[in-house]
Amino acid sequence: MKGKPVWAKGLSALQPWVQVLKNLNVAGDDRRTTDLIAQVFLAYAAEDQPNLDQENFACAAATVRALRQLLTQANISYWQCPYPLPANGMEAEVVISRATEACDNYVLVLSPRSLADACCLQGLLFALSMNKRIVPLLAETVPTEHLPEPLQTLEMIHLQSASPALGLSRGDRQLLQTLHHDADYHRAHTQLLVKALAWERQRRDPALLLTGNPLDFYQRWLGLAQGRSHHRPIQLQALYVAESVRHAQAPPGIGWLRRWLE
C-alpha cells in the first residue's frame, strides 16, 4: 500500500478552511468553483471583522461587511481568512497558501491593522510569488510610505466614503470592473497553477499531466501569457505544460517502463 502523498501531511491543517467554504458564494458557473477555486480571496485584519452584535462599525469593518454584500450581489465567488487561524503557525501558513493559490484575485482591505496582520501579509507574499492579481482596497487612511513596497506601485481603490443609498459607489464600480477585466485569463492562470501544484505535490505523478484538449488549450494560453508584462505564469506552470507535451509525444507502449524507472 502506498504511503500518503506529500501534501496529505498538511491536509488536517486545511480543515478550518472547509468551514470557510460556507462563505463561498457559488455564482452558478461551474468553472468558478472547480477544484475549490474562487474568484476572490478577501483578505482583511482580524480586528476588522464586522461584529454583528454592534450597531456601529469601525470604518474598515463596515467596508468588509459592504464588500461581502457587494460580491454576493454581483455573483462573485469569494472566501476569506478563517479567523481564528490555527494556533500552529505552520498550519496557518498552509491554510493561507492553499487559499491564495486557488483564487483568481487577492483583494486586500487596507487599514493600519491589516499592515500588521499575519493572514494579510502572508497571503500577500504568496500572491506575489504566484503572480496573482492583487487588488488593494483602501478602507482607512494609510500613509504611502507605510505600505509594503509592491503595493506602492499598484492602483488603489478608495472605499473610505460610504456607498450611496441607491446604486453603487465609484469605488464599488471600480472594484467590479477590475475583477471582470481579463477574468478568463486569471481563471486559466489559477486552474493551471492548481493543477501544476497538485502534480508537484504528488511527486510529479505522470497520471496528473495534461492530455488532449486541456493540453492544447494551456499550450496556447502559455504562449500568450509569457508575452505579458504582468501576472505572467510562474516557472512551475511552464514546466508542467512542457512535461505534459513531452509525455504526450513519447512513443506508445513504454509508459510502464517509464513509471517503473521513476
C-alpha atoms as a PDB file:
ATOM      1  CA  MET A   1       0.000   0.000   0.000  1.00  0.00           C
ATOM      2  CA  LYS A   2       1.400   3.366  -0.989  1.00  0.00           C
ATOM      3  CA  GLY A   3       2.100   5.945   1.670  1.00  0.00           C
ATOM      4  CA  LYS A   4       0.222   9.195   1.861  1.00  0.00           C
ATOM      5  CA  PRO A   5       1.142  11.781  -0.754  1.00  0.00           C
ATOM      6  CA  VAL A   6       3.430  14.547   0.436  1.00  0.00           C
ATOM      7  CA  TRP A   7       0.689  17.146   0.536  1.00  0.00           C
ATOM      8  CA  ALA A   8      -1.559  14.946   2.704  1.00  0.00           C
ATOM      9  CA  LYS A   9       0.586  15.698   5.739  1.00  0.00           C
ATOM     10  CA  GLY A  10      -0.796  19.211   5.762  1.00  0.00           C
ATOM     11  CA  LEU A  11      -4.348  18.226   4.904  1.00  0.00           C
ATOM     12  CA  SER A  12      -5.533  18.350   8.510  1.00  0.00           C
ATOM     13  CA  ALA A  13      -4.469  21.984   8.586  1.00  0.00           C
ATOM     14  CA  LEU A  14      -6.974  22.684   5.843  1.00  0.00           C
ATOM     15  CA  GLN A  15      -9.968  21.513   7.855  1.00  0.00           C
ATOM     16  CA  PRO A  16     -10.692  25.033   9.160  1.00  0.00           C
ATOM     17  CA  TRP A  17     -10.721  26.140   5.536  1.00  0.00           C
ATOM     18  CA  VAL A  18     -13.574  23.744   4.824  1.00  0.00           C
ATOM     19  CA  GLN A  19     -15.666  25.794   7.232  1.00  0.00           C
ATOM     20  CA  VAL A  20     -14.761  28.913   5.322  1.00  0.00           C
ATOM     21  CA  LEU A  21     -16.311  27.406   2.216  1.00  0.00           C
ATOM     22  CA  LYS A  22     -19.703  28.264   3.674  1.00  0.00           C
ATOM     23  CA  ASN A  23     -18.661  31.814   2.811  1.00  0.00           C
ATOM     24  CA  LEU A  24     -18.004  30.763  -0.773  1.00  0.00           C
ATOM     25  CA  ASN A  25     -20.854  32.212  -2.788  1.00  0.00           C
ATOM     26  CA  VAL A  26     -21.393  29.949  -5.771  1.00  0.00           C
ATOM     27  CA  ALA A  27     -22.287  32.079  -8.754  1.00  0.00           C
ATOM     28  CA  GLY A  28     -23.873  29.311 -10.778  1.00  0.00           C
ATOM     29  CA  ASP A  29     -20.895  28.879 -13.121  1.00  0.00           C
ATOM     30  CA  ASP A  30     -19.152  25.549 -12.561  1.00  0.00           C
ATOM     31  CA  ARG A  31     -15.841  26.991 -13.750  1.00  0.00           C
ATOM     32  CA  ARG A  32     -15.757  29.291 -10.751  1.00  0.00           C
ATOM     33  CA  THR A  33     -15.661  26.544  -8.160  1.00  0.00           C
ATOM     34  CA  THR A  34     -13.745  23.773  -9.919  1.00  0.00           C
ATOM     35  CA  ASP A  35     -11.133  22.274  -7.570  1.00  0.00           C
ATOM     36  CA  LEU A  36     -12.261  24.670  -4.835  1.00  0.00           C
ATOM     37  CA  ILE A  37     -11.338  27.732  -6.850  1.00  0.00           C
ATOM     38  CA  ALA A  38     -12.826  31.142  -6.068  1.00  0.00           C
ATOM     39  CA  GLN A  39     -12.667  34.422  -7.925  1.00  0.00           C
ATOM     40  CA  VAL A  40     -11.616  36.385  -4.840  1.00  0.00           C
ATOM     41  CA  PHE A  41      -9.678  35.850  -1.646  1.00  0.00           C
ATOM     42  CA  LEU A  42     -10.953  38.689   0.539  1.00  0.00           C
ATOM     43  CA  ALA A  43      -8.148  39.454   2.999  1.00  0.00           C
ATOM     44  CA  TYR A  44      -8.594  41.751   5.977  1.00  0.00           C
ATOM     45  CA  ALA A  45      -7.249  42.066   9.506  1.00  0.00           C
ATOM     46  CA  ALA A  46      -8.762  40.018  12.305  1.00  0.00           C
ATOM     47  CA  GLU A  47      -9.538  43.273  14.130  1.00  0.00           C
ATOM     48  CA  ASP A  48     -11.511  44.485  11.109  1.00  0.00           C
ATOM     49  CA  GLN A  49     -14.088  41.700  11.214  1.00  0.00           C
ATOM     50  CA  PRO A  50     -17.620  43.074  11.358  1.00  0.00           C
ATOM     51  CA  ASN A  51     -19.218  42.437  14.728  1.00  0.00           C
ATOM     52  CA  LEU A  52     -22.881  41.872  14.041  1.00  0.00           C
ATOM     53  CA  ASP A  53     -23.717  42.463  17.701  1.00  0.00           C
ATOM     54  CA  GLN A  54     -22.765  46.108  17.383  1.00  0.00           C
ATOM     55  CA  GLU A  55     -24.692  48.810  15.607  1.00  0.00           C
ATOM     56  CA  ASN A  56     -21.636  50.961  14.955  1.00  0.00           C
ATOM     57  CA  PHE A  57     -18.756  49.543  12.948  1.00  0.00           C
ATOM     58  CA  ALA A  58     -15.223  50.793  12.588  1.00  0.00           C
ATOM     59  CA  CYS A  59     -14.564  52.114   9.107  1.00  0.00           C
ATOM     60  CA  ALA A  60     -12.677  49.045   7.866  1.00  0.00           C
ATOM     61  CA  ALA A  61     -15.159  46.635   9.455  1.00  0.00           C
ATOM     62  CA  ALA A  62     -18.026  48.417   7.732  1.00  0.00           C
ATOM     63  CA  THR A  63     -16.111  48.185   4.467  1.00  0.00           C
ATOM     64  CA  VAL A  64     -15.635  44.441   4.893  1.00  0.00           C
ATOM     65  CA  ARG A  65     -19.330  43.951   5.549  1.00  0.00           C
ATOM     66  CA  ALA A  66     -20.222  46.023   2.477  1.00  0.00           C
ATOM     67  CA  LEU A  67     -17.719  44.104   0.351  1.00  0.00           C
ATOM     68  CA  ARG A  68     -19.269  40.785   1.315  1.00  0.00           C
ATOM     69  CA  GLN A  69     -22.656  42.079   0.246  1.00  0.00           C
ATOM     70  CA  LEU A  70     -21.275  43.544  -2.971  1.00  0.00           C
ATOM     71  CA  LEU A  71     -19.536  40.329  -4.016  1.00  0.00           C
ATOM     72  CA  THR A  72     -22.586  38.247  -3.172  1.00  0.00           C
ATOM     73  CA  GLN A  73     -24.927  40.504  -5.125  1.00  0.00           C
ATOM     74  CA  ALA A  74     -22.526  40.514  -8.084  1.00  0.00           C
ATOM     75  CA  ASN A  75     -22.383  36.691  -8.064  1.00  0.00           C
ATOM     76  CA  ILE A  76     -18.630  36.734  -7.468  1.00  0.00           C
ATOM     77  CA  SER A  77     -17.357  33.709  -5.556  1.00  0.00           C
ATOM     78  CA  TYR A  78     -15.075  34.508  -2.653  1.00  0.00           C
ATOM     79  CA  TRP A  79     -13.552  33.231   0.519  1.00  0.00           C
ATOM     80  CA  GLN A  80     -11.753  34.941   3.352  1.00  0.00           C
ATOM     81  CA  CYS A  81      -9.301  34.367   6.191  1.00  0.00           C
ATOM     82  CA  PRO A  82     -10.677  31.766   8.635  1.00  0.00           C
ATOM     83  CA  TYR A  83     -10.437  33.575  11.960  1.00  0.00           C
ATOM     84  CA  PRO A  84      -9.239  32.436  14.362  1.00  0.00           C
ATOM     85  CA  LEU A  85      -6.323  30.961  12.443  1.00  0.00           C
ATOM     86  CA  PRO A  86      -4.920  27.586  13.558  1.00  0.00           C
ATOM     87  CA  ALA A  87      -2.740  28.066  16.634  1.00  0.00           C
ATOM     88  CA  ASN A  88       0.128  26.231  14.950  1.00  0.00           C
ATOM     89  CA  GLY A  89       1.947  28.754  12.786  1.00  0.00           C
ATOM     90  CA  MET A  90       2.913  26.185  10.144  1.00  0.00           C
ATOM     91  CA  GLU A  91      -0.688  25.002   9.834  1.00  0.00           C
ATOM     92  CA  ALA A  92      -1.911  28.577   9.490  1.00  0.00           C
ATOM     93  CA  GLU A  93       0.625  29.143   6.725  1.00  0.00           C
ATOM     94  CA  VAL A  94      -0.629  26.075   4.845  1.00  0.00           C
ATOM     95  CA  VAL A  95      -4.230  27.249   5.119  1.00  0.00           C
ATOM     96  CA  ILE A  96      -3.382  30.696   3.773  1.00  0.00           C
ATOM     97  CA  SER A  97      -1.177  29.403   0.962  1.00  0.00           C
ATOM     98  CA  ARG A  98      -3.782  26.882  -0.242  1.00  0.00           C
ATOM     99  CA  ALA A  99      -6.480  29.532  -0.319  1.00  0.00           C
ATOM    100  CA  THR A 100      -4.267  32.092  -2.054  1.00  0.00           C
ATOM    101  CA  GLU A 101      -3.130  29.757  -4.800  1.00  0.00           C
ATOM    102  CA  ALA A 102      -6.744  28.785  -5.536  1.00  0.00           C
ATOM    103  CA  CYS A 103      -8.111  32.296  -6.070  1.00  0.00           C
ATOM    104  CA  ASP A 104      -8.046  34.494  -9.175  1.00  0.00           C
ATOM    105  CA  ASN A 105      -7.683  37.785  -7.301  1.00  0.00           C
ATOM    106  CA  TYR A 106      -6.127  38.639  -3.949  1.00  0.00           C
ATOM    107  CA  VAL A 107      -8.263  41.514  -2.644  1.00  0.00           C
ATOM    108  CA  LEU A 108      -6.643  43.192   0.357  1.00  0.00           C
ATOM    109  CA  VAL A 109      -8.621  45.567   2.586  1.00  0.00           C
ATOM    110  CA  LEU A 110      -6.030  48.084   3.751  1.00  0.00           C
ATOM    111  CA  SER A 111      -6.128  49.581   7.212  1.00  0.00           C
ATOM    112  CA  PRO A 112      -3.428  50.257   9.821  1.00  0.00           C
ATOM    113  CA  ARG A 113      -4.286  46.870  11.330  1.00  0.00           C
ATOM    114  CA  SER A 114      -4.053  44.828   8.127  1.00  0.00           C
ATOM    115  CA  LEU A 115      -0.473  46.038   7.631  1.00  0.00           C
ATOM    116  CA  ALA A 116       0.469  44.063  10.756  1.00  0.00           C
ATOM    117  CA  ASP A 117      -1.878  41.094  10.294  1.00  0.00           C
ATOM    118  CA  ALA A 118      -0.288  37.680   9.697  1.00  0.00           C
ATOM    119  CA  CYS A 119      -3.040  36.408   7.405  1.00  0.00           C
ATOM    120  CA  CYS A 120      -2.938  39.518   5.222  1.00  0.00           C
ATOM    121  CA  LEU A 121       0.844  39.725   4.954  1.00  0.00           C
ATOM    122  CA  GLN A 122       1.433  36.017   4.394  1.00  0.00           C
ATOM    123  CA  GLY A 123      -1.320  35.920   1.806  1.00  0.00           C
ATOM    124  CA  LEU A 124       0.187  38.938   0.067  1.00  0.00           C
ATOM    125  CA  LEU A 125       3.604  37.249  -0.091  1.00  0.00           C
ATOM    126  CA  PHE A 126       2.079  34.079  -1.509  1.00  0.00           C
ATOM    127  CA  ALA A 127       0.047  36.065  -4.052  1.00  0.00           C
ATOM    128  CA  LEU A 128       3.152  37.938  -5.199  1.00  0.00           C
ATOM    129  CA  SER A 129       5.170  34.727  -5.534  1.00  0.00           C
ATOM    130  CA  MET A 130       2.448  33.194  -7.719  1.00  0.00           C
ATOM    131  CA  ASN A 131       1.917  36.300  -9.870  1.00  0.00           C
ATOM    132  CA  LYS A 132      -1.687  36.713  -8.760  1.00  0.00           C
ATOM    133  CA  ARG A 133      -3.653  39.848  -9.495  1.00  0.00           C
ATOM    134  CA  ILE A 134      -3.562  41.899  -6.304  1.00  0.00           C
ATOM    135  CA  VAL A 135      -6.328  44.429  -5.723  1.00  0.00           C
ATOM    136  CA  PRO A 136      -5.658  46.822  -2.798  1.00  0.00           C
ATOM    137  CA  LEU A 137      -8.727  48.484  -1.285  1.00  0.00           C
ATOM    138  CA  LEU A 138      -8.164  51.490   0.949  1.00  0.00           C
ATOM    139  CA  ALA A 139     -10.661  51.348   3.813  1.00  0.00           C
ATOM    140  CA  GLU A 140      -8.833  53.744   6.134  1.00  0.00           C
ATOM    141  CA  THR A 141      -6.080  56.277   5.584  1.00  0.00           C
ATOM    142  CA  VAL A 142      -2.667  54.637   5.427  1.00  0.00           C
ATOM    143  CA  PRO A 143       0.472  56.671   4.635  1.00  0.00           C
ATOM    144  CA  THR A 144       2.009  55.518   1.356  1.00  0.00           C
ATOM    145  CA  GLU A 145       5.405  55.055   2.970  1.00  0.00           C
ATOM    146  CA  HIS A 146       3.860  52.525   5.376  1.00  0.00           C
ATOM    147  CA  LEU A 147       2.628  50.302   2.552  1.00  0.00           C
ATOM    148  CA  PRO A 148       4.639  47.240   1.510  1.00  0.00           C
ATOM    149  CA  GLU A 149       6.748  48.246  -1.481  1.00  0.00           C
ATOM    150  CA  PRO A 150       4.873  46.049  -4.025  1.00  0.00           C
ATOM    151  CA  LEU A 151       1.616  47.832  -3.150  1.00  0.00           C
ATOM    152  CA  GLN A 152       3.041  51.308  -3.648  1.00  0.00           C
ATOM    153  CA  THR A 153       3.017  50.906  -7.428  1.00  0.00           C
ATOM    154  CA  LEU A 154      -0.491  49.437  -7.687  1.00  0.00           C
ATOM    155  CA  GLU A 155      -3.613  51.465  -8.331  1.00  0.00           C
ATOM    156  CA  MET A 156      -5.511  51.890  -5.088  1.00  0.00           C
ATOM    157  CA  ILE A 157      -9.299  51.627  -4.968  1.00  0.00           C
ATOM    158  CA  HIS A 158     -10.702  54.029  -2.376  1.00  0.00           C
ATOM    159  CA  LEU A 159     -13.620  52.718  -0.346  1.00  0.00           C
ATOM    160  CA  GLN A 160     -13.423  55.179   2.521  1.00  0.00           C
ATOM    161  CA  SER A 161     -16.598  57.042   1.650  1.00  0.00           C
ATOM    162  CA  ALA A 162     -19.964  55.497   2.346  1.00  0.00           C
ATOM    163  CA  SER A 163     -21.878  53.910  -0.509  1.00  0.00           C
ATOM    164  CA  PRO A 164     -24.793  55.952  -1.842  1.00  0.00           C
ATOM    165  CA  ALA A 165     -28.251  54.980  -0.716  1.00  0.00           C
ATOM    166  CA  LEU A 166     -29.153  53.904  -4.261  1.00  0.00           C
ATOM    167  CA  GLY A 167     -26.706  52.275  -6.647  1.00  0.00           C
ATOM    168  CA  LEU A 168     -23.008  51.624  -6.302  1.00  0.00           C
ATOM    169  CA  SER A 169     -20.275  53.948  -5.186  1.00  0.00           C
ATOM    170  CA  ARG A 170     -17.427  54.861  -7.509  1.00  0.00           C
ATOM    171  CA  GLY A 171     -15.122  52.515  -5.592  1.00  0.00           C
ATOM    172  CA  ASP A 172     -17.623  49.655  -5.863  1.00  0.00           C
ATOM    173  CA  ARG A 173     -17.875  50.102  -9.623  1.00  0.00           C
ATOM    174  CA  GLN A 174     -14.107  50.295  -9.953  1.00  0.00           C
ATOM    175  CA  LEU A 175     -13.675  47.070  -7.983  1.00  0.00           C
ATOM    176  CA  LEU A 176     -16.214  45.157 -10.074  1.00  0.00           C
ATOM    177  CA  GLN A 177     -14.694  46.482 -13.276  1.00  0.00           C
ATOM    178  CA  THR A 178     -11.244  45.345 -12.133  1.00  0.00           C
ATOM    179  CA  LEU A 179     -12.438  41.860 -11.210  1.00  0.00           C
ATOM    180  CA  HIS A 180     -14.252  41.407 -14.523  1.00  0.00           C
ATOM    181  CA  HIS A 181     -11.329  42.672 -16.613  1.00  0.00           C
ATOM    182  CA  ASP A 182      -9.354  39.744 -18.075  1.00  0.00           C
ATOM    183  CA  ALA A 183     -11.346  37.398 -15.829  1.00  0.00           C
ATOM    184  CA  ASP A 184     -10.932  34.435 -18.196  1.00  0.00           C
ATOM    185  CA  TYR A 185      -7.160  34.912 -18.263  1.00  0.00           C
ATOM    186  CA  HIS A 186      -6.878  34.957 -14.478  1.00  0.00           C
ATOM    187  CA  ARG A 187      -9.165  31.938 -14.160  1.00  0.00           C
ATOM    188  CA  ALA A 188      -6.957  29.963 -16.566  1.00  0.00           C
ATOM    189  CA  HIS A 189      -3.894  31.115 -14.597  1.00  0.00           C
ATOM    190  CA  THR A 190      -5.437  29.779 -11.380  1.00  0.00           C
ATOM    191  CA  GLN A 191      -6.610  26.500 -12.877  1.00  0.00           C
ATOM    192  CA  LEU A 192      -3.212  25.749 -14.396  1.00  0.00           C
ATOM    193  CA  LEU A 193      -1.465  26.731 -11.159  1.00  0.00           C
ATOM    194  CA  VAL A 194      -3.664  24.423  -9.082  1.00  0.00           C
ATOM    195  CA  LYS A 195      -3.039  21.536 -11.485  1.00  0.00           C
ATOM    196  CA  ALA A 196       0.714  22.157 -11.561  1.00  0.00           C
ATOM    197  CA  LEU A 197       0.956  22.362  -7.776  1.00  0.00           C
ATOM    198  CA  ALA A 198      -1.053  19.147  -7.368  1.00  0.00           C
ATOM    199  CA  TRP A 199       1.343  17.452  -9.799  1.00  0.00           C
ATOM    200  CA  GLU A 200       4.368  18.769  -7.898  1.00  0.00           C
ATOM    201  CA  ARG A 201       2.971  17.723  -4.507  1.00  0.00           C
ATOM    202  CA  GLN A 202       2.209  14.240  -5.823  1.00  0.00           C
ATOM    203  CA  ARG A 203       5.878  13.838  -6.740  1.00  0.00           C
ATOM    204  CA  ARG A 204       5.182  14.694 -10.367  1.00  0.00           C
ATOM    205  CA  ASP A 205       2.850  11.783 -10.934  1.00  0.00           C
ATOM    206  CA  PRO A 206       2.512  11.318 -14.744  1.00  0.00           C
ATOM    207  CA  ALA A 207      -1.170  10.494 -14.254  1.00  0.00           C
ATOM    208  CA  LEU A 208      -1.752  14.165 -13.355  1.00  0.00           C
ATOM    209  CA  LEU A 209      -0.253  15.571 -16.559  1.00  0.00           C
ATOM    210  CA  LEU A 210      -2.383  17.364 -19.125  1.00  0.00           C
ATOM    211  CA  THR A 211      -3.674  15.499 -22.164  1.00  0.00           C
ATOM    212  CA  GLY A 212      -5.955  16.103 -25.136  1.00  0.00           C
ATOM    213  CA  ASN A 213      -7.929  19.338 -25.354  1.00  0.00           C
ATOM    214  CA  PRO A 214      -6.787  20.703 -21.966  1.00  0.00           C
ATOM    215  CA  LEU A 215      -3.167  20.313 -23.055  1.00  0.00           C
ATOM    216  CA  ASP A 216      -3.856  22.092 -26.346  1.00  0.00           C
ATOM    217  CA  PHE A 217      -5.644  24.899 -24.506  1.00  0.00           C
ATOM    218  CA  TYR A 218      -2.914  25.501 -21.952  1.00  0.00           C
ATOM    219  CA  GLN A 219      -0.188  25.340 -24.598  1.00  0.00           C
ATOM    220  CA  ARG A 220      -1.893  28.189 -26.437  1.00  0.00           C
ATOM    221  CA  TRP A 221      -2.594  30.053 -23.206  1.00  0.00           C
ATOM    222  CA  LEU A 222       1.005  29.725 -22.060  1.00  0.00           C
ATOM    223  CA  GLY A 223       2.313  31.082 -25.355  1.00  0.00           C
ATOM    224  CA  LEU A 224       0.197  34.215 -24.959  1.00  0.00           C
ATOM    225  CA  ALA A 225       0.718  34.533 -21.203  1.00  0.00           C
ATOM    226  CA  GLN A 226       4.505  34.536 -21.436  1.00  0.00           C
ATOM    227  CA  GLY A 227       4.328  37.666 -23.571  1.00  0.00           C
ATOM    228  CA  ARG A 228       2.515  39.655 -20.902  1.00  0.00           C
ATOM    229  CA  SER A 229       4.178  42.205 -18.668  1.00  0.00           C
ATOM    230  CA  HIS A 230       2.053  41.416 -15.593  1.00  0.00           C
ATOM    231  CA  HIS A 231       0.626  38.283 -13.990  1.00  0.00           C
ATOM    232  CA  ARG A 232       2.807  36.020 -16.074  1.00  0.00           C
ATOM    233  CA  PRO A 233       2.839  32.262 -15.454  1.00  0.00           C
ATOM    234  CA  ILE A 234       5.376  31.060 -12.927  1.00  0.00           C
ATOM    235  CA  GLN A 235       8.133  28.608 -13.789  1.00  0.00           C
ATOM    236  CA  LEU A 236       6.257  25.613 -12.371  1.00  0.00           C
ATOM    237  CA  GLN A 237       3.302  26.221 -14.700  1.00  0.00           C
ATOM    238  CA  ALA A 238       5.589  26.311 -17.741  1.00  0.00           C
ATOM    239  CA  LEU A 239       7.408  23.177 -16.571  1.00  0.00           C
ATOM    240  CA  TYR A 240       4.111  21.352 -16.052  1.00  0.00           C
ATOM    241  CA  VAL A 241       2.925  22.135 -19.579  1.00  0.00           C
ATOM    242  CA  ALA A 242       6.316  21.232 -21.085  1.00  0.00           C
ATOM    243  CA  GLU A 243       6.374  17.902 -19.266  1.00  0.00           C
ATOM    244  CA  SER A 244       2.798  17.226 -20.382  1.00  0.00           C
ATOM    245  CA  VAL A 245       3.821  17.831 -24.005  1.00  0.00           C
ATOM    246  CA  ARG A 246       6.885  15.607 -23.651  1.00  0.00           C
ATOM    247  CA  HIS A 247       4.832  12.839 -22.103  1.00  0.00           C
ATOM    248  CA  ALA A 248       2.141  13.089 -24.789  1.00  0.00           C
ATOM    249  CA  GLN A 249       4.736  12.877 -27.576  1.00  0.00           C
ATOM    250  CA  ALA A 250       6.572   9.873 -26.106  1.00  0.00           C
ATOM    251  CA  PRO A 251       6.382   6.682 -28.202  1.00  0.00           C
ATOM    252  CA  PRO A 252       3.457   4.462 -27.145  1.00  0.00           C
ATOM    253  CA  GLY A 253       3.983   1.245 -25.311  1.00  0.00           C
ATOM    254  CA  ILE A 254       6.794   2.266 -22.950  1.00  0.00           C
ATOM    255  CA  GLY A 255       4.747   4.055 -20.330  1.00  0.00           C
ATOM    256  CA  TRP A 256       5.042   1.100 -17.972  1.00  0.00           C
ATOM    257  CA  LEU A 257       8.831   1.220 -18.279  1.00  0.00           C
ATOM    258  CA  ARG A 258       8.956   4.952 -17.555  1.00  0.00           C
ATOM    259  CA  ARG A 259       6.753   4.518 -14.498  1.00  0.00           C
ATOM    260  CA  TRP A 260       8.923   1.634 -13.290  1.00  0.00           C
ATOM    261  CA  LEU A 261      12.089   3.685 -13.699  1.00  0.00           C
ATOM    262  CA  GLU A 262      10.530   6.603 -11.825  1.00  0.00           C
END
